[in-house]
């Protein structure tokens, strides 16, 4: 009676090996998918950071111009303010 169980055990071990192999393939595919998602998210985040940095740089330039306008008594204030409104960057005034 003991010998009759051996083919069943061999079949069970083979079945478990097949199922584990398929599970491993599925897990590897899922893992690659998650890695790709993380790469895309990192790229998007880096792009947004670059955009924010560019905006910050523009704002800093505008603040420098406003500071110069506020402290420069010999320049034509109205012309500089209009230049700022038009989106142009003011040229450094020479004193």
PDB file of N, CA and C in Angstrom:
ATOM      1  N   UNK A   1       0.810  -1.179   0.000  1.00  0.00           N
ATOM      2  CA  UNK A   1       0.000   0.000   0.000  1.00  0.00           C
ATOM      3  C   UNK A   1       0.869   1.263   0.000  1.00  0.00           C
ATOM      4  N   UNK A   2       2.062   1.247   0.538  1.00  0.00           N
ATOM      5  CA  UNK A   2       2.959   2.378   0.593  1.00  0.00           C
ATOM      6  C   UNK A   2       3.459   2.781  -0.775  1.00  0.00           C
ATOM      7  N   UNK A   3       3.618   1.796  -1.674  1.00  0.00           N
ATOM      8  CA  UNK A   3       4.133   2.084  -3.016  1.00  0.00           C
ATOM      9  C   UNK A   3       3.103   2.795  -3.898  1.00  0.00           C
ATOM     10  N   UNK A   4       1.876   2.688  -3.571  1.00  0.00           N
ATOM     11  CA  UNK A   4       0.823   3.323  -4.370  1.00  0.00           C
ATOM     12  C   UNK A   4       0.807   4.850  -4.184  1.00  0.00           C
ATOM     13  N   UNK A   5       1.321   5.323  -3.079  1.00  0.00           N
ATOM     14  CA  UNK A   5       1.326   6.756  -2.779  1.00  0.00           C
ATOM     15  C   UNK A   5       2.451   7.474  -3.532  1.00  0.00           C
ATOM     16  N   UNK A   6       3.512   6.787  -3.863  1.00  0.00           N
ATOM     17  CA  UNK A   6       4.670   7.409  -4.500  1.00  0.00           C
ATOM     18  C   UNK A   6       4.299   8.104  -5.816  1.00  0.00           C
ATOM     19  N   UNK A   7       3.570   7.501  -6.747  1.00  0.00           N
ATOM     20  CA  UNK A   7       3.203   8.235  -7.967  1.00  0.00           C
ATOM     21  C   UNK A   7       2.343   9.471  -7.683  1.00  0.00           C
ATOM     22  N   UNK A   8       1.504   9.383  -6.683  1.00  0.00           N
ATOM     23  CA  UNK A   8       0.665  10.528  -6.318  1.00  0.00           C
ATOM     24  C   UNK A   8       1.541  11.654  -5.772  1.00  0.00           C
ATOM     25  N   UNK A   9       2.529  11.317  -4.946  1.00  0.00           N
ATOM     26  CA  UNK A   9       3.433  12.312  -4.376  1.00  0.00           C
ATOM     27  C   UNK A   9       4.284  12.953  -5.475  1.00  0.00           C
ATOM     28  N   UNK A  10       4.759  12.128  -6.406  1.00  0.00           N
ATOM     29  CA  UNK A  10       5.561  12.661  -7.510  1.00  0.00           C
ATOM     30  C   UNK A  10       4.708  13.617  -8.351  1.00  0.00           C
ATOM     31  N   UNK A  11       3.484  13.230  -8.630  1.00  0.00           N
ATOM     32  CA  UNK A  11       2.573  14.088  -9.379  1.00  0.00           C
ATOM     33  C   UNK A  11       2.271  15.381  -8.632  1.00  0.00           C
ATOM     34  N   UNK A  12       2.103  15.282  -7.316  1.00  0.00           N
ATOM     35  CA  UNK A  12       1.826  16.467  -6.509  1.00  0.00           C
ATOM     36  C   UNK A  12       3.016  17.415  -6.491  1.00  0.00           C
ATOM     37  N   UNK A  13       4.214  16.863  -6.362  1.00  0.00           N
ATOM     38  CA  UNK A  13       5.428  17.687  -6.361  1.00  0.00           C
ATOM     39  C   UNK A  13       5.592  18.368  -7.717  1.00  0.00           C
ATOM     40  N   UNK A  14       5.335  17.640  -8.782  1.00  0.00           N
ATOM     41  CA  UNK A  14       5.439  18.222 -10.121  1.00  0.00           C
ATOM     42  C   UNK A  14       4.409  19.342 -10.302  1.00  0.00           C
ATOM     43  N   UNK A  15       3.207  19.126  -9.840  1.00  0.00           N
ATOM     44  CA  UNK A  15       2.160  20.133  -9.940  1.00  0.00           C
ATOM     45  C   UNK A  15       2.532  21.388  -9.141  1.00  0.00           C
ATOM     46  N   UNK A  16       3.052  21.197  -7.933  1.00  0.00           N
ATOM     47  CA  UNK A  16       3.473  22.325  -7.107  1.00  0.00           C
ATOM     48  C   UNK A  16       4.602  23.093  -7.803  1.00  0.00           C
ATOM     49  N   UNK A  17       5.549  22.380  -8.414  1.00  0.00           N
ATOM     50  CA  UNK A  17       6.660  23.014  -9.116  1.00  0.00           C
ATOM     51  C   UNK A  17       6.146  23.846 -10.293  1.00  0.00           C
ATOM     52  N   UNK A  18       5.188  23.316 -11.022  1.00  0.00           N
ATOM     53  CA  UNK A  18       4.612  24.048 -12.163  1.00  0.00           C
ATOM     54  C   UNK A  18       3.895  25.302 -11.682  1.00  0.00           C
ATOM     55  N   UNK A  19       3.089  25.164 -10.631  1.00  0.00           N
ATOM     56  CA  UNK A  19       2.341  26.304 -10.094  1.00  0.00           C
ATOM     57  C   UNK A  19       3.305  27.372  -9.572  1.00  0.00           C
ATOM     58  N   UNK A  20       4.353  26.961  -8.865  1.00  0.00           N
ATOM     59  CA  UNK A  20       5.326  27.922  -8.356  1.00  0.00           C
ATOM     60  C   UNK A  20       6.081  28.606  -9.498  1.00  0.00           C
ATOM     61  N   UNK A  21       6.388  27.878 -10.548  1.00  0.00           N
ATOM     62  CA  UNK A  21       7.045  28.479 -11.710  1.00  0.00           C
ATOM     63  C   UNK A  21       6.164  29.528 -12.366  1.00  0.00           C
ATOM     64  N   UNK A  22       4.890  29.213 -12.508  1.00  0.00           N
ATOM     65  CA  UNK A  22       3.959  30.178 -13.090  1.00  0.00           C
ATOM     66  C   UNK A  22       3.790  31.390 -12.176  1.00  0.00           C
ATOM     67  N   UNK A  23       3.745  31.157 -10.882  1.00  0.00           N
ATOM     68  CA  UNK A  23       3.609  32.259  -9.924  1.00  0.00           C
ATOM     69  C   UNK A  23       4.847  33.157  -9.982  1.00  0.00           C
ATOM     70  N   UNK A  24       6.006  32.554 -10.133  1.00  0.00           N
ATOM     71  CA  UNK A  24       7.230  33.343 -10.220  1.00  0.00           C
ATOM     72  C   UNK A  24       7.216  34.213 -11.485  1.00  0.00           C
ATOM     73  N   UNK A  25       6.805  33.645 -12.605  1.00  0.00           N
ATOM     74  CA  UNK A  25       6.722  34.423 -13.845  1.00  0.00           C
ATOM     75  C   UNK A  25       5.740  35.583 -13.699  1.00  0.00           C
ATOM     76  N   UNK A  26       4.612  35.315 -13.091  1.00  0.00           N
ATOM     77  CA  UNK A  26       3.606  36.361 -12.878  1.00  0.00           C
ATOM     78  C   UNK A  26       4.161  37.450 -11.969  1.00  0.00           C
ATOM     79  N   UNK A  27       4.850  37.049 -10.901  1.00  0.00           N
ATOM     80  CA  UNK A  27       5.435  38.015  -9.982  1.00  0.00           C
ATOM     81  C   UNK A  27       6.503  38.857 -10.669  1.00  0.00           C
ATOM     82  N   UNK A  28       7.339  38.251 -11.506  1.00  0.00           N
ATOM     83  CA  UNK A  28       8.373  38.987 -12.234  1.00  0.00           C
ATOM     84  C   UNK A  28       7.739  40.019 -13.173  1.00  0.00           C
ATOM     85  N   UNK A  29       6.681  39.633 -13.850  1.00  0.00           N
ATOM     86  CA  UNK A  29       5.980  40.554 -14.743  1.00  0.00           C
ATOM     87  C   UNK A  29       5.390  41.714 -13.956  1.00  0.00           C
ATOM     88  N   UNK A  30       4.783  41.426 -12.832  1.00  0.00           N
ATOM     89  CA  UNK A  30       4.200  42.461 -11.981  1.00  0.00           C
ATOM     90  C   UNK A  30       5.289  43.393 -11.463  1.00  0.00           C
ATOM     91  N   UNK A  31       6.421  42.821 -11.064  1.00  0.00           N
ATOM     92  CA  UNK A  31       7.527  43.613 -10.538  1.00  0.00           C
ATOM     93  C   UNK A  31       8.085  44.555 -11.612  1.00  0.00           C
ATOM     94  N   UNK A  32       8.234  44.086 -12.831  1.00  0.00           N
ATOM     95  CA  UNK A  32       8.699  44.940 -13.926  1.00  0.00           C
ATOM     96  C   UNK A  32       7.706  46.066 -14.187  1.00  0.00           C
ATOM     97  N   UNK A  33       6.428  45.749 -14.118  1.00  0.00           N
ATOM     98  CA  UNK A  33       5.384  46.760 -14.304  1.00  0.00           C
ATOM     99  C   UNK A  33       5.497  47.847 -13.231  1.00  0.00           C
ATOM    100  N   UNK A  34       5.677  47.440 -11.986  1.00  0.00           N
ATOM    101  CA  UNK A  34       5.797  48.408 -10.887  1.00  0.00           C
ATOM    102  C   UNK A  34       7.054  49.255 -11.047  1.00  0.00           C
ATOM    103  N   UNK A  35       8.152  48.649 -11.478  1.00  0.00           N
ATOM    104  CA  UNK A  35       9.386  49.407 -11.697  1.00  0.00           C
ATOM    105  C   UNK A  35       9.181  50.458 -12.784  1.00  0.00           C
ATOM    106  N   UNK A  36       8.493  50.093 -13.835  1.00  0.00           N
ATOM    107  CA  UNK A  36       8.214  51.038 -14.927  1.00  0.00           C
ATOM    108  C   UNK A  36       7.331  52.186 -14.435  1.00  0.00           C
ATOM    109  N   UNK A  37       6.340  51.867 -13.622  1.00  0.00           N
ATOM    110  CA  UNK A  37       5.479  52.903 -13.047  1.00  0.00           C
ATOM    111  C   UNK A  37       6.303  53.879 -12.206  1.00  0.00           C
ATOM    112  N   UNK A  38       7.223  53.355 -11.420  1.00  0.00           N
ATOM    113  CA  UNK A  38       8.058  54.203 -10.579  1.00  0.00           C
ATOM    114  C   UNK A  38       8.969  55.083 -11.431  1.00  0.00           C
ATOM    115  N   UNK A  39       9.510  54.548 -12.518  1.00  0.00           N
ATOM    116  CA  UNK A  39      10.349  55.340 -13.418  1.00  0.00           C
ATOM    117  C   UNK A  39       9.548  56.492 -14.027  1.00  0.00           C
ATOM    118  N   UNK A  40       8.341  56.181 -14.483  1.00  0.00           N
ATOM    119  CA  UNK A  40       7.492  57.223 -15.073  1.00  0.00           C
ATOM    120  C   UNK A  40       7.152  58.300 -14.055  1.00  0.00           C
ATOM    121  N   UNK A  41       6.862  57.889 -12.832  1.00  0.00           N
ATOM    122  CA  UNK A  41       6.528  58.843 -11.788  1.00  0.00           C
ATOM    123  C   UNK A  41       7.751  59.715 -11.462  1.00  0.00           C
ATOM    124  N   UNK A  42       8.930  59.112 -11.417  1.00  0.00           N
ATOM    125  CA  UNK A  42      10.150  59.874 -11.136  1.00  0.00           C
ATOM    126  C   UNK A  42      10.421  60.878 -12.250  1.00  0.00           C
ATOM    127  N   UNK A  43      10.213  60.471 -13.497  1.00  0.00           N
ATOM    128  CA  UNK A  43      10.421  61.383 -14.625  1.00  0.00           C
ATOM    129  C   UNK A  43       9.445  62.551 -14.574  1.00  0.00           C
ATOM    130  N   UNK A  44       8.200  62.256 -14.252  1.00  0.00           N
ATOM    131  CA  UNK A  44       7.187  63.315 -14.159  1.00  0.00           C
ATOM    132  C   UNK A  44       7.529  64.285 -13.027  1.00  0.00           C
ATOM    133  N   UNK A  45       7.964  63.755 -11.913  1.00  0.00           N
ATOM    134  CA  UNK A  45       8.333  64.589 -10.775  1.00  0.00           C
ATOM    135  C   UNK A  45       9.528  65.469 -11.117  1.00  0.00           C
ATOM    136  N   UNK A  46      10.515  64.910 -11.809  1.00  0.00           N
ATOM    137  CA  UNK A  46      11.687  65.691 -12.201  1.00  0.00           C
ATOM    138  C   UNK A  46      11.298  66.805 -13.171  1.00  0.00           C
ATOM    139  N   UNK A  47      10.392  66.503 -14.078  1.00  0.00           N
ATOM    140  CA  UNK A  47       9.932  67.517 -15.037  1.00  0.00           C
ATOM    141  C   UNK A  47       9.203  68.650 -14.315  1.00  0.00           C
ATOM    142  N   UNK A  48       8.359  68.294 -13.367  1.00  0.00           N
ATOM    143  CA  UNK A  48       7.649  69.314 -12.593  1.00  0.00           C
ATOM    144  C   UNK A  48       8.618  70.160 -11.778  1.00  0.00           C
ATOM    145  N   UNK A  49       9.629  69.528 -11.204  1.00  0.00           N
ATOM    146  CA  UNK A  49      10.624  70.268 -10.429  1.00  0.00           C
ATOM    147  C   UNK A  49      11.356  71.268 -11.313  1.00  0.00           C
ATOM    148  N   UNK A  50      11.675  70.868 -12.540  1.00  0.00           N
ATOM    149  CA  UNK A  50      12.345  71.779 -13.471  1.00  0.00           C
ATOM    150  C   UNK A  50      11.441  72.955 -13.828  1.00  0.00           C
ATOM    151  N   UNK A  51      10.162  72.687 -14.018  1.00  0.00           N
ATOM    152  CA  UNK A  51       9.219  73.762 -14.323  1.00  0.00           C
ATOM    153  C   UNK A  51       9.109  74.737 -13.152  1.00  0.00           C
ATOM    154  N   UNK A  52       9.035  74.200 -11.930  1.00  0.00           N
ATOM    155  CA  UNK A  52       8.954  75.061 -10.752  1.00  0.00           C
ATOM    156  C   UNK A  52      10.228  75.887 -10.597  1.00  0.00           C
ATOM    157  N   UNK A  53      11.369  75.286 -10.886  1.00  0.00           N
ATOM    158  CA  UNK A  53      12.630  76.010 -10.785  1.00  0.00           C
ATOM    159  C   UNK A  53      12.673  77.154 -11.796  1.00  0.00           C
ATOM    160  N   UNK A  54      12.183  76.913 -13.005  1.00  0.00           N
ATOM    161  CA  UNK A  54      12.159  77.963 -14.029  1.00  0.00           C
ATOM    162  C   UNK A  54      11.238  79.100 -13.599  1.00  0.00           C
ATOM    163  N   UNK A  55      10.069  78.747 -13.046  1.00  0.00           N
ATOM    164  CA  UNK A  55       9.143  79.780 -12.574  1.00  0.00           C
ATOM    165  C   UNK A  55       9.758  80.574 -11.429  1.00  0.00           C
ATOM    166  N   UNK A  56      10.419  79.890 -10.522  1.00  0.00           N
ATOM    167  CA  UNK A  56      11.055  80.568  -9.396  1.00  0.00           C
ATOM    168  C   UNK A  56      12.140  81.520  -9.884  1.00  0.00           C
ATOM    169  N   UNK A  57      12.885  81.093 -10.884  1.00  0.00           N
ATOM    170  CA  UNK A  57      13.940  81.937 -11.437  1.00  0.00           C
ATOM    171  C   UNK A  57      13.346  83.204 -12.064  1.00  0.00           C
ATOM    172  N   UNK A  58      12.243  83.060 -12.795  1.00  0.00           N
ATOM    173  CA  UNK A  58      11.587  84.228 -13.385  1.00  0.00           C
ATOM    174  C   UNK A  58      11.076  85.170 -12.300  1.00  0.00           C
ATOM    175  N   UNK A  59      10.475  84.608 -11.255  1.00  0.00           N
ATOM    176  CA  UNK A  59       9.964  85.444 -10.165  1.00  0.00           C
ATOM    177  C   UNK A  59      11.103  86.169  -9.449  1.00  0.00           C
ATOM    178  N   UNK A  60      12.217  85.477  -9.245  1.00  0.00           N
ATOM    179  CA  UNK A  60      13.365  86.122  -8.608  1.00  0.00           C
ATOM    180  C   UNK A  60      13.877  87.275  -9.457  1.00  0.00           C
ATOM    181  N   UNK A  61      13.902  87.102 -10.766  1.00  0.00           N
ATOM    182  CA  UNK A  61      14.351  88.180 -11.655  1.00  0.00           C
ATOM    183  C   UNK A  61      13.408  89.370 -11.556  1.00  0.00           C
ATOM    184  N   UNK A  62      12.118  89.095 -11.502  1.00  0.00           N
ATOM    185  CA  UNK A  62      11.139  90.195 -11.393  1.00  0.00           C
ATOM    186  C   UNK A  62      11.286  90.912 -10.047  1.00  0.00           C
ATOM    187  N   UNK A  63      11.534  90.177  -8.993  1.00  0.00           N
ATOM    188  CA  UNK A  63      11.725  90.793  -7.680  1.00  0.00           C
ATOM    189  C   UNK A  63      12.971  91.676  -7.696  1.00  0.00           C
ATOM    190  N   UNK A  64      14.045  91.206  -8.330  1.00  0.00           N
ATOM    191  CA  UNK A  64      15.257  92.031  -8.428  1.00  0.00           C
ATOM    192  C   UNK A  64      14.952  93.342  -9.153  1.00  0.00           C
ATOM    193  N   UNK A  65      14.167  93.252 -10.232  1.00  0.00           N
ATOM    194  CA  UNK A  65      13.794  94.463 -10.973  1.00  0.00           C
ATOM    195  C   UNK A  65      12.966  95.391 -10.092  1.00  0.00           C
ATOM    196  N   UNK A  66      12.010  94.833  -9.381  1.00  0.00           N
ATOM    197  CA  UNK A  66      11.176  95.664  -8.494  1.00  0.00           C
ATOM    198  C   UNK A  66      12.011  96.302  -7.395  1.00  0.00           C
ATOM    199  N   UNK A  67      12.955  95.547  -6.841  1.00  0.00           N
ATOM    200  CA  UNK A  67      13.833  96.114  -5.818  1.00  0.00           C
ATOM    201  C   UNK A  67      14.659  97.262  -6.397  1.00  0.00           C
ATOM    202  N   UNK A  68      15.151  97.083  -7.612  1.00  0.00           N
ATOM    203  CA  UNK A  68      15.946  98.122  -8.251  1.00  0.00           C
ATOM    204  C   UNK A  68      15.089  99.361  -8.525  1.00  0.00           C
ATOM    205  N   UNK A  69      13.850  99.137  -8.979  1.00  0.00           N
ATOM    206  CA  UNK A  69      12.948 100.266  -9.237  1.00  0.00           C
ATOM    207  C   UNK A  69      12.670 101.023  -7.941  1.00  0.00           C
ATOM    208  N   UNK A  70      12.435 100.279  -6.873  1.00  0.00           N
ATOM    209  CA  UNK A  70      12.104 100.905  -5.592  1.00  0.00           C
ATOM    210  C   UNK A  70      13.280 101.680  -5.018  1.00  0.00           C
ATOM    211  N   UNK A  71      14.481 101.282  -5.321  1.00  0.00           N
ATOM    212  CA  UNK A  71      15.651 101.950  -4.731  1.00  0.00           C
ATOM    213  C   UNK A  71      16.334 102.909  -5.686  1.00  0.00           C
ATOM    214  N   UNK A  72      16.032 102.873  -6.971  1.00  0.00           N
ATOM    215  CA  UNK A  72      16.680 103.722  -7.969  1.00  0.00           C
ATOM    216  C   UNK A  72      15.875 105.005  -8.119  1.00  0.00           C
ATOM    217  N   UNK A  73      16.382 106.096  -7.602  1.00  0.00           N
ATOM    218  CA  UNK A  73      15.637 107.366  -7.604  1.00  0.00           C
ATOM    219  C   UNK A  73      15.803 108.134  -8.910  1.00  0.00           C
ATOM    220  N   UNK A  74      16.826 107.850  -9.674  1.00  0.00           N
ATOM    221  CA  UNK A  74      17.081 108.649 -10.858  1.00  0.00           C
ATOM    222  C   UNK A  74      16.505 108.069 -12.133  1.00  0.00           C
ATOM    223  N   UNK A  75      15.735 107.007 -12.069  1.00  0.00           N
ATOM    224  CA  UNK A  75      15.235 106.383 -13.296  1.00  0.00           C
ATOM    225  C   UNK A  75      13.783 106.764 -13.551  1.00  0.00           C
ATOM    226  N   UNK A  76      13.349 106.478 -14.741  1.00  0.00           N
ATOM    227  CA  UNK A  76      11.975 106.769 -15.132  1.00  0.00           C
ATOM    228  C   UNK A  76      11.089 105.629 -14.637  1.00  0.00           C
ATOM    229  N   UNK A  77      10.469 105.802 -13.494  1.00  0.00           N
ATOM    230  CA  UNK A  77       9.705 104.756 -12.817  1.00  0.00           C
ATOM    231  C   UNK A  77       8.526 104.258 -13.651  1.00  0.00           C
ATOM    232  N   UNK A  78       7.767 105.146 -14.253  1.00  0.00           N
ATOM    233  CA  UNK A  78       6.583 104.743 -15.016  1.00  0.00           C
ATOM    234  C   UNK A  78       6.961 103.858 -16.196  1.00  0.00           C
ATOM    235  N   UNK A  79       8.051 104.193 -16.886  1.00  0.00           N
ATOM    236  CA  UNK A  79       8.480 103.391 -18.033  1.00  0.00           C
ATOM    237  C   UNK A  79       8.894 101.982 -17.584  1.00  0.00           C
ATOM    238  N   UNK A  80       9.580 101.906 -16.470  1.00  0.00           N
ATOM    239  CA  UNK A  80      10.022 100.600 -15.978  1.00  0.00           C
ATOM    240  C   UNK A  80       8.836  99.744 -15.546  1.00  0.00           C
ATOM    241  N   UNK A  81       7.858 100.352 -14.922  1.00  0.00           N
ATOM    242  CA  UNK A  81       6.676  99.599 -14.500  1.00  0.00           C
ATOM    243  C   UNK A  81       5.922  99.092 -15.725  1.00  0.00           C
ATOM    244  N   UNK A  82       5.797  99.911 -16.745  1.00  0.00           N
ATOM    245  CA  UNK A  82       5.120  99.474 -17.970  1.00  0.00           C
ATOM    246  C   UNK A  82       5.885  98.335 -18.635  1.00  0.00           C
ATOM    247  N   UNK A  83       7.210  98.425 -18.636  1.00  0.00           N
ATOM    248  CA  UNK A  83       8.021  97.331 -19.193  1.00  0.00           C
ATOM    249  C   UNK A  83       7.757  96.032 -18.437  1.00  0.00           C
ATOM    250  N   UNK A  84       7.622  96.133 -17.138  1.00  0.00           N
ATOM    251  CA  UNK A  84       7.321  94.945 -16.335  1.00  0.00           C
ATOM    252  C   UNK A  84       5.951  94.383 -16.678  1.00  0.00           C
ATOM    253  N   UNK A  85       4.973  95.245 -16.844  1.00  0.00           N
ATOM    254  CA  UNK A  85       3.620  94.792 -17.183  1.00  0.00           C
ATOM    255  C   UNK A  85       3.599  94.077 -18.528  1.00  0.00           C
ATOM    256  N   UNK A  86       4.424  94.563 -19.457  1.00  0.00           N
ATOM    257  CA  UNK A  86       4.469  93.948 -20.793  1.00  0.00           C
ATOM    258  C   UNK A  86       5.205  92.611 -20.775  1.00  0.00           C
ATOM    259  N   UNK A  87       5.767  92.231 -19.657  1.00  0.00           N
ATOM    260  CA  UNK A  87       6.443  90.951 -19.555  1.00  0.00           C
ATOM    261  C   UNK A  87       7.890  91.021 -19.941  1.00  0.00           C
ATOM    262  N   UNK A  88       8.341  92.170 -20.363  1.00  0.00           N
ATOM    263  CA  UNK A  88       9.744  92.303 -20.708  1.00  0.00           C
ATOM    264  C   UNK A  88      10.574  92.490 -19.457  1.00  0.00           C
ATOM    265  N   UNK A  89      11.821  92.110 -19.536  1.00  0.00           N
ATOM    266  CA  UNK A  89      12.700  92.296 -18.396  1.00  0.00           C
ATOM    267  C   UNK A  89      13.421  93.614 -18.573  1.00  0.00           C
ATOM    268  N   UNK A  90      13.485  94.366 -17.536  1.00  0.00           N
ATOM    269  CA  UNK A  90      14.111  95.669 -17.600  1.00  0.00           C
ATOM    270  C   UNK A  90      15.612  95.543 -17.710  1.00  0.00           C
ATOM    271  N   UNK A  91      16.203  96.497 -18.390  1.00  0.00           N
ATOM    272  CA  UNK A  91      17.660  96.531 -18.490  1.00  0.00           C
ATOM    273  C   UNK A  91      18.186  97.230 -17.262  1.00  0.00           C
ATOM    274  N   UNK A  92      19.384  96.852 -16.851  1.00  0.00           N
ATOM    275  CA  UNK A  92      19.998  97.473 -15.690  1.00  0.00           C
ATOM    276  C   UNK A  92      20.158  98.965 -15.975  1.00  0.00           C
ATOM    277  N   UNK A  93      19.739  99.798 -15.040  1.00  0.00           N
ATOM    278  CA  UNK A  93      19.898 101.232 -15.232  1.00  0.00           C
ATOM    279  C   UNK A  93      21.285 101.648 -14.786  1.00  0.00           C
ATOM    280  N   UNK A  94      21.851 102.579 -15.496  1.00  0.00           N
ATOM    281  CA  UNK A  94      23.182 103.079 -15.180  1.00  0.00           C
ATOM    282  C   UNK A  94      23.023 104.371 -14.420  1.00  0.00           C
ATOM    283  N   UNK A  95      23.678 104.482 -13.298  1.00  0.00           N
ATOM    284  CA  UNK A  95      23.575 105.702 -12.484  1.00  0.00           C
ATOM    285  C   UNK A  95      24.786 106.552 -12.675  1.00  0.00           C
TER     286      UNK A  95
END
